Structure formats: C-alpha cells, structure tokens
Protein backbone atom coordinates (compact mmCIF):
# COMPACT_ATOMS: atom_id res chain seq x y z
CA UNK A 1 -127.00 -114.21 -23.42
CA UNK A 2 -124.91 -114.51 -26.36
CA UNK A 3 -127.27 -115.30 -28.97
CA UNK A 4 -130.23 -112.42 -27.89
CA UNK A 5 -127.29 -109.86 -28.46
CA UNK A 6 -126.37 -111.79 -31.95
CA UNK A 7 -130.04 -110.77 -33.11
CA UNK A 8 -130.13 -107.45 -31.14
CA UNK A 9 -127.01 -106.01 -32.60
CA UNK A 10 -127.33 -107.95 -36.08
CA UNK A 11 -126.85 -104.71 -37.63
CA UNK A 12 -123.90 -103.59 -35.94
CA UNK A 13 -122.38 -106.54 -36.79
CA UNK A 14 -123.49 -106.21 -40.46
CA UNK A 15 -121.31 -103.17 -40.47
CA UNK A 16 -118.60 -105.51 -39.62
CA UNK A 17 -118.50 -107.48 -42.42
CA UNK A 18 -121.84 -109.71 -41.43
CA UNK A 19 -123.71 -108.48 -44.02
CA UNK A 20 -123.18 -110.11 -47.70
CA UNK A 21 -120.99 -108.04 -50.15
CA UNK A 22 -119.47 -109.42 -52.91
CA UNK A 23 -116.82 -111.61 -52.87
CA UNK A 24 -113.16 -111.35 -55.22
CA UNK A 25 -113.76 -115.09 -57.08
CA UNK A 26 -110.48 -114.66 -58.61
CA UNK A 27 -108.12 -117.53 -58.49
CA UNK A 28 -104.28 -116.65 -57.29
CA UNK A 29 -102.13 -118.85 -58.87
CA UNK A 30 -101.96 -122.98 -58.19
CA UNK A 31 -100.22 -122.76 -54.68
CA UNK A 32 -102.65 -123.02 -52.38
CA UNK A 33 -102.80 -120.27 -49.26
CA UNK A 34 -105.69 -121.56 -46.83
CA UNK A 35 -106.71 -120.41 -43.49
CA UNK A 36 -108.56 -122.57 -41.46
CA UNK A 37 -110.32 -121.43 -38.25
CA UNK A 38 -111.21 -123.68 -35.27
CA UNK A 39 -111.57 -122.60 -31.57
CA UNK A 40 -108.63 -124.89 -29.99
CA UNK A 41 -106.27 -127.02 -31.17
CA UNK A 42 -107.19 -130.13 -28.74
CA UNK A 43 -107.57 -133.43 -29.20
CA UNK A 44 -110.77 -134.59 -31.65
CA UNK A 45 -111.80 -135.39 -35.07
CA UNK A 46 -112.12 -131.83 -35.97
CA UNK A 47 -108.67 -130.74 -34.55
CA UNK A 48 -107.12 -133.81 -36.45
CA UNK A 49 -108.38 -133.05 -39.67
CA UNK A 50 -107.39 -129.21 -39.33
CA UNK A 51 -103.71 -130.64 -39.02
CA UNK A 52 -104.18 -133.54 -41.53
CA UNK A 53 -105.79 -130.41 -44.24
CA UNK A 54 -102.89 -128.17 -43.24
CA UNK A 55 -100.30 -131.10 -43.73
CA UNK A 56 -101.55 -131.31 -47.20
CA UNK A 57 -101.37 -127.73 -48.36
CA UNK A 58 -97.96 -127.75 -47.32
CA UNK A 59 -96.48 -130.95 -49.07
CA UNK A 60 -98.58 -129.71 -52.34
CA UNK A 61 -96.20 -126.42 -52.25
CA UNK A 62 -98.80 -124.05 -50.37
CA UNK A 63 -99.03 -122.14 -47.43
CA UNK A 64 -101.76 -122.92 -44.46
CA UNK A 65 -102.24 -120.85 -41.34
CA UNK A 66 -104.70 -122.05 -38.68
CA UNK A 67 -106.24 -119.36 -36.61
CA UNK A 68 -107.31 -121.04 -33.04
CA UNK A 69 -106.37 -120.57 -29.21
CA UNK A 70 -104.07 -122.82 -28.73
CA UNK A 71 -104.03 -126.40 -27.65
CA UNK A 72 -101.69 -129.59 -27.17
CA UNK A 73 -101.56 -130.18 -31.22
CA UNK A 74 -100.46 -126.68 -32.35
CA UNK A 75 -96.60 -128.10 -32.07
CA UNK A 76 -97.48 -130.97 -34.29
CA UNK A 77 -99.57 -128.21 -36.65
CA UNK A 78 -96.09 -126.24 -36.88
CA UNK A 79 -93.60 -129.15 -36.85
CA UNK A 80 -95.45 -130.17 -40.33
CA UNK A 81 -95.04 -126.73 -42.13
CA UNK A 82 -97.98 -125.06 -40.52
CA UNK A 83 -98.58 -121.54 -39.36
CA UNK A 84 -99.92 -121.36 -36.06
CA UNK A 85 -101.70 -117.50 -34.74
CA UNK A 86 -103.41 -117.23 -31.27
CA UNK A 87 -106.76 -115.74 -30.95
CA UNK A 88 -109.81 -116.19 -28.90
CA UNK A 89 -111.54 -117.79 -31.46
CA UNK A 90 -113.69 -120.12 -29.45
CA UNK A 91 -115.21 -117.56 -27.22
CA UNK A 92 -119.17 -116.52 -27.81
CA UNK A 93 -118.99 -112.92 -26.55
CA UNK A 94 -120.49 -110.89 -28.88
CA UNK A 95 -117.71 -107.84 -28.19
CA UNK A 96 -115.10 -110.43 -28.89
CA UNK A 97 -116.21 -112.22 -31.79
CA UNK A 98 -116.85 -108.76 -33.43
CA UNK A 99 -113.13 -107.57 -32.36
CA UNK A 100 -111.94 -111.18 -33.99
CA UNK A 101 -113.55 -109.95 -37.12
CA UNK A 102 -110.75 -107.60 -37.43
CA UNK A 103 -108.24 -110.19 -36.20
CA UNK A 104 -109.07 -112.89 -38.42
CA UNK A 105 -109.50 -110.08 -41.59
CA UNK A 106 -105.69 -108.56 -40.29
CA UNK A 107 -103.65 -111.66 -39.94
CA UNK A 108 -105.61 -113.51 -43.32
CA UNK A 109 -104.15 -110.37 -45.52
CA UNK A 110 -101.21 -110.34 -43.98
CA UNK A 111 -100.66 -114.28 -44.55
CA UNK A 112 -102.18 -113.72 -48.49
CA UNK A 113 -104.84 -116.30 -47.54
CA UNK A 114 -107.29 -116.97 -50.36
CA UNK A 115 -110.14 -119.12 -48.67
CA UNK A 116 -111.11 -119.23 -44.66
CA UNK A 117 -112.45 -122.51 -43.66
CA UNK A 118 -114.37 -122.32 -40.55
CA UNK A 119 -114.43 -125.31 -38.60
CA UNK A 120 -117.17 -124.48 -35.68
CA UNK A 121 -119.88 -121.89 -34.94
CA UNK A 122 -118.43 -119.10 -33.24
CA UNK A 123 -115.75 -118.73 -35.12
CA UNK A 124 -117.55 -119.38 -38.08
CA UNK A 125 -119.58 -116.15 -37.38
CA UNK A 126 -116.59 -114.23 -37.48
CA UNK A 127 -114.61 -115.99 -40.13
CA UNK A 128 -117.56 -115.11 -42.45
CA UNK A 129 -117.35 -111.35 -41.74
CA UNK A 130 -114.01 -111.56 -42.19
CA UNK A 131 -114.13 -113.21 -45.42
CA UNK A 132 -116.91 -110.75 -46.78
CA UNK A 133 -114.87 -107.80 -45.12
CA UNK A 134 -111.91 -109.14 -47.96
CA UNK A 135 -113.91 -110.47 -50.61
CA UNK A 136 -112.63 -113.68 -50.22
CA UNK A 137 -114.42 -117.55 -50.34
CA UNK A 138 -115.48 -118.87 -47.19
CA UNK A 139 -115.88 -122.38 -46.64
CA UNK A 140 -117.56 -124.32 -43.55
CA UNK A 141 -117.23 -127.80 -42.50
CA UNK A 142 -120.32 -128.80 -40.87
CA UNK A 143 -118.56 -131.30 -38.20
CA UNK A 144 -121.51 -132.38 -35.82
CA UNK A 145 -125.08 -132.29 -35.97
CA UNK A 146 -125.48 -129.58 -33.03
CA UNK A 147 -128.43 -129.28 -31.20
CA UNK A 148 -130.98 -127.19 -32.10
CA UNK A 149 -133.73 -127.25 -30.01
CA UNK A 150 -134.78 -123.48 -30.38
CA UNK A 151 -135.35 -121.13 -33.29
CA UNK A 152 -132.49 -118.91 -31.53
CA UNK A 153 -130.03 -121.90 -31.57
CA UNK A 154 -130.83 -123.02 -35.24
CA UNK A 155 -130.10 -119.73 -36.46
CA UNK A 156 -127.04 -119.81 -34.47
CA UNK A 157 -125.96 -123.39 -35.60
CA UNK A 158 -126.71 -122.12 -39.69
CA UNK A 159 -123.66 -119.94 -39.90
CA UNK A 160 -122.21 -123.54 -40.57
CA UNK A 161 -124.36 -123.55 -43.43
CA UNK A 162 -123.41 -120.88 -45.15
CA UNK A 163 -120.59 -121.42 -46.72
CA UNK A 164 -120.23 -120.23 -50.37
CA UNK A 165 -119.48 -124.30 -50.36
CA UNK A 166 -120.35 -126.63 -47.05
CA UNK A 167 -118.49 -129.63 -46.35
CA UNK A 168 -120.34 -132.62 -44.77
CA UNK A 169 -118.04 -135.29 -43.26
CA UNK A 170 -120.75 -137.83 -43.96
CA UNK A 171 -124.43 -138.38 -45.96
CA UNK A 172 -126.14 -138.53 -42.67
CA UNK A 173 -124.65 -135.01 -41.94
CA UNK A 174 -125.60 -134.14 -45.47
CA UNK A 175 -129.25 -134.96 -45.10
CA UNK A 176 -129.30 -132.84 -41.71
CA UNK A 177 -127.71 -129.54 -43.48
CA UNK A 178 -130.69 -130.05 -45.98
CA UNK A 179 -133.51 -130.47 -43.90
CA UNK A 180 -132.55 -128.00 -41.19
CA UNK A 181 -131.14 -125.27 -43.25
CA UNK A 182 -132.52 -125.50 -46.53
CA UNK A 183 -129.42 -125.57 -47.60
CA UNK A 184 -129.46 -126.14 -51.98
CA UNK A 185 -127.59 -130.06 -52.15
CA UNK A 186 -125.56 -128.33 -55.27
CA UNK A 187 -123.38 -126.32 -52.49
CA UNK A 188 -122.54 -129.26 -50.26
CA UNK A 189 -119.98 -131.59 -50.79
CA UNK A 190 -119.42 -134.83 -48.55
CA UNK A 191 -116.15 -135.24 -47.30
CA UNK A 192 -115.83 -138.19 -44.99
CA UNK A 193 -113.16 -137.73 -42.37
CA UNK A 194 -109.55 -139.17 -43.60
CA UNK A 195 -107.59 -141.45 -41.38
CA UNK A 196 -103.70 -142.52 -41.15
CA UNK A 197 -103.71 -145.84 -42.28
CA UNK A 198 -99.74 -146.43 -42.01
CA UNK A 199 -100.09 -144.70 -38.14
CA UNK A 200 -102.63 -146.82 -36.91
CA UNK A 201 -100.85 -150.14 -38.94
CA UNK A 202 -100.35 -152.25 -35.83
CA UNK A 203 -97.05 -154.06 -37.45
CA UNK A 204 -95.94 -150.18 -37.09
CA UNK A 205 -96.62 -149.97 -33.12
CA UNK A 206 -92.93 -151.71 -31.72
CA UNK A 207 -92.67 -153.32 -28.17
CA UNK A 208 -91.56 -150.09 -26.41
CA UNK A 209 -94.94 -148.31 -27.48
CA UNK A 210 -97.08 -151.26 -26.24
CA UNK A 211 -95.33 -151.34 -22.94
CA UNK A 212 -95.61 -147.45 -22.74
CA UNK A 213 -99.25 -147.28 -23.53
CA UNK A 214 -99.83 -150.08 -20.86
CA UNK A 215 -98.24 -148.64 -18.07
CA UNK A 216 -100.42 -145.67 -18.59
CA UNK A 217 -104.05 -147.52 -18.53
CA UNK A 218 -103.74 -147.54 -14.73
CA UNK A 219 -104.52 -151.03 -13.72
CA UNK A 220 -103.10 -154.05 -13.44
CA UNK A 221 -104.57 -155.71 -16.55
CA UNK A 222 -103.34 -159.33 -17.80
CA UNK A 223 -102.34 -160.28 -21.20
CA UNK A 224 -104.53 -163.39 -21.15
CA UNK A 225 -107.53 -161.22 -20.50
CA UNK A 226 -109.19 -159.84 -23.45
CA UNK A 227 -108.98 -156.13 -23.54
CA UNK A 228 -111.71 -153.63 -24.97
CA UNK A 229 -111.01 -149.85 -25.73
CA UNK A 230 -113.72 -147.35 -25.97
CA UNK A 231 -112.55 -143.94 -26.86
CA UNK A 232 -114.33 -140.75 -26.39
CA UNK A 233 -114.31 -137.44 -24.14
CA UNK A 234 -116.01 -137.94 -21.11
CA UNK A 235 -119.49 -136.67 -21.78
CA UNK A 236 -122.85 -138.93 -21.14
CA UNK A 237 -123.59 -139.18 -24.77
CA UNK A 238 -120.51 -140.79 -25.57
CA UNK A 239 -122.31 -143.86 -23.94
CA UNK A 240 -119.35 -144.84 -20.68
CA UNK A 241 -122.29 -145.98 -18.70
CA UNK A 242 -124.15 -147.76 -21.06
CA UNK A 243 -120.44 -149.73 -21.55
CA UNK A 244 -120.00 -150.09 -17.84
CA UNK A 245 -123.55 -151.85 -17.72
CA UNK A 246 -122.52 -154.06 -20.57
CA UNK A 247 -119.13 -155.01 -18.71
CA UNK A 248 -121.20 -156.04 -16.03
CA UNK A 249 -123.36 -158.36 -17.87
CA UNK A 250 -120.40 -159.69 -18.94
CA UNK A 251 -118.71 -160.63 -16.10
CA UNK A 252 -122.27 -161.46 -14.50
CA UNK A 253 -122.37 -164.31 -18.11
CA UNK A 254 -118.97 -165.53 -16.59
CA UNK A 255 -116.77 -163.70 -19.37
CA UNK A 256 -113.30 -162.22 -19.01
CA UNK A 257 -112.62 -159.00 -20.09
CA UNK A 258 -110.99 -155.74 -19.20
CA UNK A 259 -112.17 -152.03 -20.34
CA UNK A 260 -109.95 -148.99 -21.03
CA UNK A 261 -112.12 -146.05 -21.68
CA UNK A 262 -109.70 -142.96 -22.54
CA UNK A 263 -110.61 -139.61 -23.20
CA UNK A 264 -110.90 -136.09 -21.51
CA UNK A 265 -113.03 -135.14 -18.76
CA UNK A 266 -112.82 -131.17 -20.08
CA UNK A 267 -114.33 -129.97 -16.99
CA UNK A 268 -117.00 -132.31 -16.50
CA UNK A 269 -115.69 -133.36 -13.14
CA UNK A 270 -119.50 -134.39 -11.70
CA UNK A 271 -119.98 -136.66 -14.98
CA UNK A 272 -116.19 -138.76 -14.33
CA UNK A 273 -117.30 -138.89 -10.23
CA UNK A 274 -120.36 -140.50 -11.89
CA UNK A 275 -118.37 -143.08 -13.94
CA UNK A 276 -116.13 -143.80 -11.05
CA UNK A 277 -119.41 -144.47 -9.06
CA UNK A 278 -120.84 -146.75 -11.51
CA UNK A 279 -117.99 -148.76 -11.83
CA UNK A 280 -117.33 -149.37 -8.01
CA UNK A 281 -121.27 -150.20 -7.86
CA UNK A 282 -121.06 -152.66 -10.14
CA UNK A 283 -117.76 -153.88 -8.43
CA UNK A 284 -115.50 -153.52 -11.74
CA UNK A 285 -113.02 -151.21 -10.57
CA UNK A 286 -110.38 -154.36 -10.81
CA UNK A 287 -111.01 -154.56 -14.58
CA UNK A 288 -111.95 -151.12 -16.14
CA UNK A 289 -109.30 -147.96 -16.42
CA UNK A 290 -110.24 -144.41 -16.43
CA UNK A 291 -106.71 -143.58 -17.88
CA UNK A 292 -107.59 -139.79 -18.88
CA UNK A 293 -106.43 -138.33 -22.53
CA UNK A 294 -103.74 -140.53 -24.04
CA UNK A 295 -102.24 -139.59 -26.89
CA UNK A 296 -100.50 -143.23 -28.72
CA UNK A 297 -104.23 -143.99 -29.43
CA UNK A 298 -102.68 -146.03 -32.11
CA UNK A 299 -100.36 -148.19 -29.54
CA UNK A 300 -103.61 -148.87 -27.88
CA UNK A 301 -105.64 -149.88 -30.59
CA UNK A 302 -102.81 -152.26 -31.22
CA UNK A 303 -103.12 -154.32 -28.06
CA UNK A 304 -107.09 -154.13 -28.04
CA UNK A 305 -109.47 -157.03 -28.82
CA UNK A 306 -112.47 -155.16 -29.63
CA UNK A 307 -112.83 -151.29 -29.88
CA UNK A 308 -116.39 -149.92 -29.38
CA UNK A 309 -118.46 -146.89 -29.97
CA UNK A 310 -121.43 -146.86 -27.77
CA UNK A 311 -122.93 -143.01 -28.43
CA UNK A 312 -126.15 -142.87 -27.63
CA UNK A 313 -127.03 -140.01 -30.03
CA UNK A 314 -126.25 -140.24 -33.60
CA UNK A 315 -122.40 -139.52 -34.13
CA UNK A 316 -121.85 -137.33 -37.96
CA UNK A 317 -119.01 -139.26 -38.32
CA UNK A 318 -118.02 -141.63 -35.90
CA UNK A 319 -113.56 -141.32 -36.06
CA UNK A 320 -113.34 -144.12 -33.47
CA UNK A 321 -115.19 -146.88 -35.50
CA UNK A 322 -113.04 -145.93 -38.30
CA UNK A 323 -109.86 -145.88 -36.22
CA UNK A 324 -110.85 -149.43 -34.91
CA UNK A 325 -111.10 -150.95 -37.66
CA UNK A 326 -108.29 -149.50 -39.21
CA UNK A 327 -106.27 -151.04 -36.52
CA UNK A 328 -107.35 -154.40 -37.48
CA UNK A 329 -109.85 -154.33 -34.72
CA UNK A 330 -113.36 -155.97 -34.71
CA UNK A 331 -115.49 -153.06 -33.95
CA UNK A 332 -119.09 -152.62 -32.23
CA UNK A 333 -120.71 -149.41 -32.77
CA UNK A 334 -124.22 -148.31 -32.22
CA UNK A 335 -126.62 -148.33 -35.48
CA UNK A 336 -127.24 -144.54 -35.99
CA UNK A 337 -125.53 -141.53 -37.64
CA UNK A 338 -122.23 -141.82 -39.57
CA UNK A 339 -121.55 -145.29 -38.17
CA UNK A 340 -124.08 -146.82 -40.92
CA UNK A 341 -122.09 -145.42 -43.39
CA UNK A 342 -118.65 -146.33 -41.67
CA UNK A 343 -119.05 -149.93 -40.64
CA UNK A 344 -120.50 -152.66 -42.53
CA UNK A 345 -122.53 -154.68 -40.24
CA UNK A 346 -120.91 -158.55 -39.78
CA UNK A 347 -118.40 -157.58 -42.13
CA UNK A 348 -115.80 -155.31 -40.06
CA UNK A 349 -117.81 -155.47 -36.49
CA UNK A 350 -121.44 -155.47 -35.39
CA UNK A 351 -123.88 -153.03 -35.34
CA UNK A 352 -126.36 -152.42 -32.00
CA UNK A 353 -128.98 -150.73 -30.36
CA UNK A 354 -128.45 -147.35 -29.14
CA UNK A 355 -128.38 -147.23 -25.21
CA UNK A 356 -128.87 -150.81 -24.90
CA UNK A 357 -126.69 -152.21 -22.86
CA UNK A 358 -127.74 -155.78 -23.03
CA UNK A 359 -127.48 -155.82 -26.96
CA UNK A 360 -124.19 -154.64 -26.26
CA UNK A 361 -122.93 -157.50 -24.31
CA UNK A 362 -124.41 -159.78 -26.48
CA UNK A 363 -122.11 -158.29 -29.42
CA UNK A 364 -119.08 -158.37 -26.83
CA UNK A 365 -120.16 -162.02 -25.92
CA UNK A 366 -120.27 -163.15 -29.71
CA UNK A 367 -117.17 -161.60 -30.96
CA UNK A 368 -114.91 -162.76 -27.64
CA UNK A 369 -116.70 -166.39 -28.08
CA UNK A 370 -114.76 -166.39 -31.78
CA UNK A 371 -111.37 -167.61 -32.71
CA UNK A 372 -108.26 -165.63 -33.49
CA UNK A 373 -108.24 -166.60 -36.80
CA UNK A 374 -111.91 -165.41 -37.09
CA UNK A 375 -111.22 -161.99 -35.04
CA UNK A 376 -108.34 -161.70 -37.20
CA UNK A 377 -110.44 -162.12 -40.11
CA UNK A 378 -113.18 -159.85 -39.01
CA UNK A 379 -110.45 -156.97 -38.30
CA UNK A 380 -108.70 -157.20 -41.97
CA UNK A 381 -111.88 -156.91 -43.20
CA UNK A 382 -112.45 -153.60 -41.99
CA UNK A 383 -109.39 -152.86 -42.56
CA UNK A 384 -109.62 -153.11 -46.17
CA UNK A 385 -112.87 -150.98 -45.93
CA UNK A 386 -111.52 -148.13 -44.39
CA UNK A 387 -108.58 -148.09 -46.79
CA UNK A 388 -110.75 -147.88 -49.32
CA UNK A 389 -113.37 -145.56 -48.32
CA UNK A 390 -111.88 -143.52 -45.72
CA UNK A 391 -107.97 -142.86 -46.01
CA UNK A 392 -106.28 -139.50 -44.90
CA UNK A 393 -104.75 -138.73 -48.66
CA UNK A 394 -108.70 -139.22 -49.93
CA UNK A 395 -109.93 -136.71 -47.61
CA UNK A 396 -107.32 -134.27 -48.43
CA UNK A 397 -107.23 -134.63 -51.77
CA UNK A 398 -111.26 -134.04 -51.90
CA UNK A 399 -110.92 -131.32 -49.91
CA UNK A 400 -108.24 -129.48 -51.55
CA UNK A 401 -110.22 -130.23 -54.81
CA UNK A 402 -112.80 -127.59 -52.96
CA UNK A 403 -110.53 -125.01 -52.61
CA UNK A 404 -109.69 -125.18 -56.03
CA UNK A 405 -113.20 -125.34 -57.18
CA UNK A 406 -114.14 -122.11 -54.90
CA UNK A 407 -110.83 -120.36 -56.29
CA UNK A 408 -111.77 -121.31 -60.22
CA UNK A 409 -115.31 -120.50 -59.51
C-alpha cells in the first residue's frame, strides 16, 4: 500500500525535495501571492475556508492560486478573482505524488507564489517537497484530528504538523497536534473557521429562495410542523442514525417534528441504504428527508426551527453548529471536540452526550416546548456569539497575518 511505499522509497522522495533544505525567508513585497493546495473543491468546511481566504487575498490586492483536482466550487473561486489549476493532488499513489512535487513547484514558480499552504495530507507531502525545492515557506492547516491507529498512519498524518507554521482550527485541534506530533506550541496558530454572517442572516433570504429550497427537500412538509435540520456528509460518525432514533423518540412522546438530513453520499451507498432502512423501520418516511447536497444551505437554515450536529466522534471545529447559530437558530451539538468551544451550553443551544439518542430527543423536546419568543432569544444569543468569535473577516485577517509573519521571518 501507499504508506509502505512512502517509507520504502523515502530516500528517493528526499531527492525530489522531501528532504529538509534551507528555505528563502525573504519577504517579496506587501501584496500576497499565495498558493493553496487541497484535494478537491467540493462542499465542505476546508474547501469553503480555501475560497474565503482566496477571496480575501484578492480583495487585499494580492493574487491567489488554488491547486486541486476540481470540484463544484471552482466556478465560485474564479468568479471571486482566484486562479485555478487542475492537478491530481487528491491521489495517494506514491508515483502520482512524486509527479505532483514537480507540477506544484512549476505552477508555483510560474505564478510567482510566495507561500505554499496545504490543507490535506496527500497533497501536503507533495507540497512540502515542492516548498523545499523552491525554498519557500510551507504552512499547513490541520483541519481534522485524523485517525492514527498505527505508527505508519501517525507518520502519514505528521506532515500536517510539519509546516513552518501550523494553523489549528480550534484549541481542541491544537492540543491534539501537540500531544500526537509533539509540535512546539510556538509553531501553532489557532484560527477558528470563519462564517459569512451576512449570507446566513435570515433577513437576507427572500421568499423565492425559501420556496425553491423547500421544493428540494423531497417530502410534503407542513409549515406548521417544526423543522429540524442536521447537515453533514452521509458518513456514520456524523450521527444520522442517532438522529433518526431521536426522531422516533419524539414521535413516541407525541411531539411532531420533521427532519431534513442534507449531505452528499460521497459514494457511501451502503450507508445511505442503511439510513433509509432505519427510517422505514421507525415508520418515519413521512417526516424525514434525505435530499442529498443542497447548495443554498442559508435558505434551509432560514426555514429551520432547530439545527443539530450529532457527531459521534469529536468535530475538529464543527461548522454546522456555528452556521446554525449564525442563522439565528437554536443549536444542539454533541459535547466533545470543537463544539465545546463553538456552542455556549444553555445560551445559543444545548450540548448533549455523544451517541445518546435519548439525550438528543430530550434536548429537542425541551427546545420545541419553548414559545417562539424564547426560541428567537436563544437564536439571537447564538448569532451574537458567533459574530464576536467566528466571523469570516476575523478568520481571513488572522490567516493573512500568518502569511505576513512567515514572509517577514
């Protein structure tokens, strides 16, 4: 497998730039020219952050290049002034990774890049080598905690902690980096992900967008029945099965609610089938929708009464909990990982025991029992909190400060 080859061929990789060589620390002017590398520009927190940072660089008078396989967000990247180059940086094939070293270096040199910023493991190995080859600073963003069940897997993950500076998107992740990779704290910068507050403001969602998103939900929902939304790609640890069981608990308690579970299957057809089976077994097909990817999540949030993040494993940051609060919705999230930093328990929502359908059902019932004024008060408290801590502007400014710090060092 690729990780055995990575170790076996380590000496050869060093000759491609994987070995440590002195880097050029000379700042090259005030206008930033940054190259970001990510597997694909699909939907997701890391991808959205890539676009946000690219836009901020361009708006500040700099230049931005993103290297990725492709994806649905390429159009938005280019529309906002970023440049794009398709490369197979998603590949974990050793020989493709070696070719990517030279391709990344060539495109960076042609672009005039000052810093290479990797946002995922496979491309980070190639990017690190390209940075050393060019003598440029190398920065990583540690977007997740990554499974490290073996020494080989930990070694593979370690590249994300090997940046000249390492961005952690939460204090939880920063602690993980220090514990697992022994990265000195002085090389870590905690920068939480940022949210576009204006885009998620329900006051900015017109009736046409609301009607359009409602038509895509996929069931005959009723405006009188509270709507619960739990976004996330369809993978087991995101907790969709727990949420379905909690919905059954609400129904058994005589509480009406409808649930939307938007998210890509990403090829997990067996899990998708398992979700449908669970929905049918609980006789909930009339009140649970699996609409797939929905582009206009802001419109869906605007129609929601509660937003849920029921991840059974810790979220590195937990964008859903923050987006839900930014949209003015009460939020329920599992009490571990980044959610402990992004949701104030009892203020913008409620924290529940991970994996507990009964705890989740109880929290849902408590919020649904509140009158509209109290729900709105909770939603506005959450929105105010997110505005102060997790705005897109704050995240982009902090990231650009890291770039300036690297160029000045």
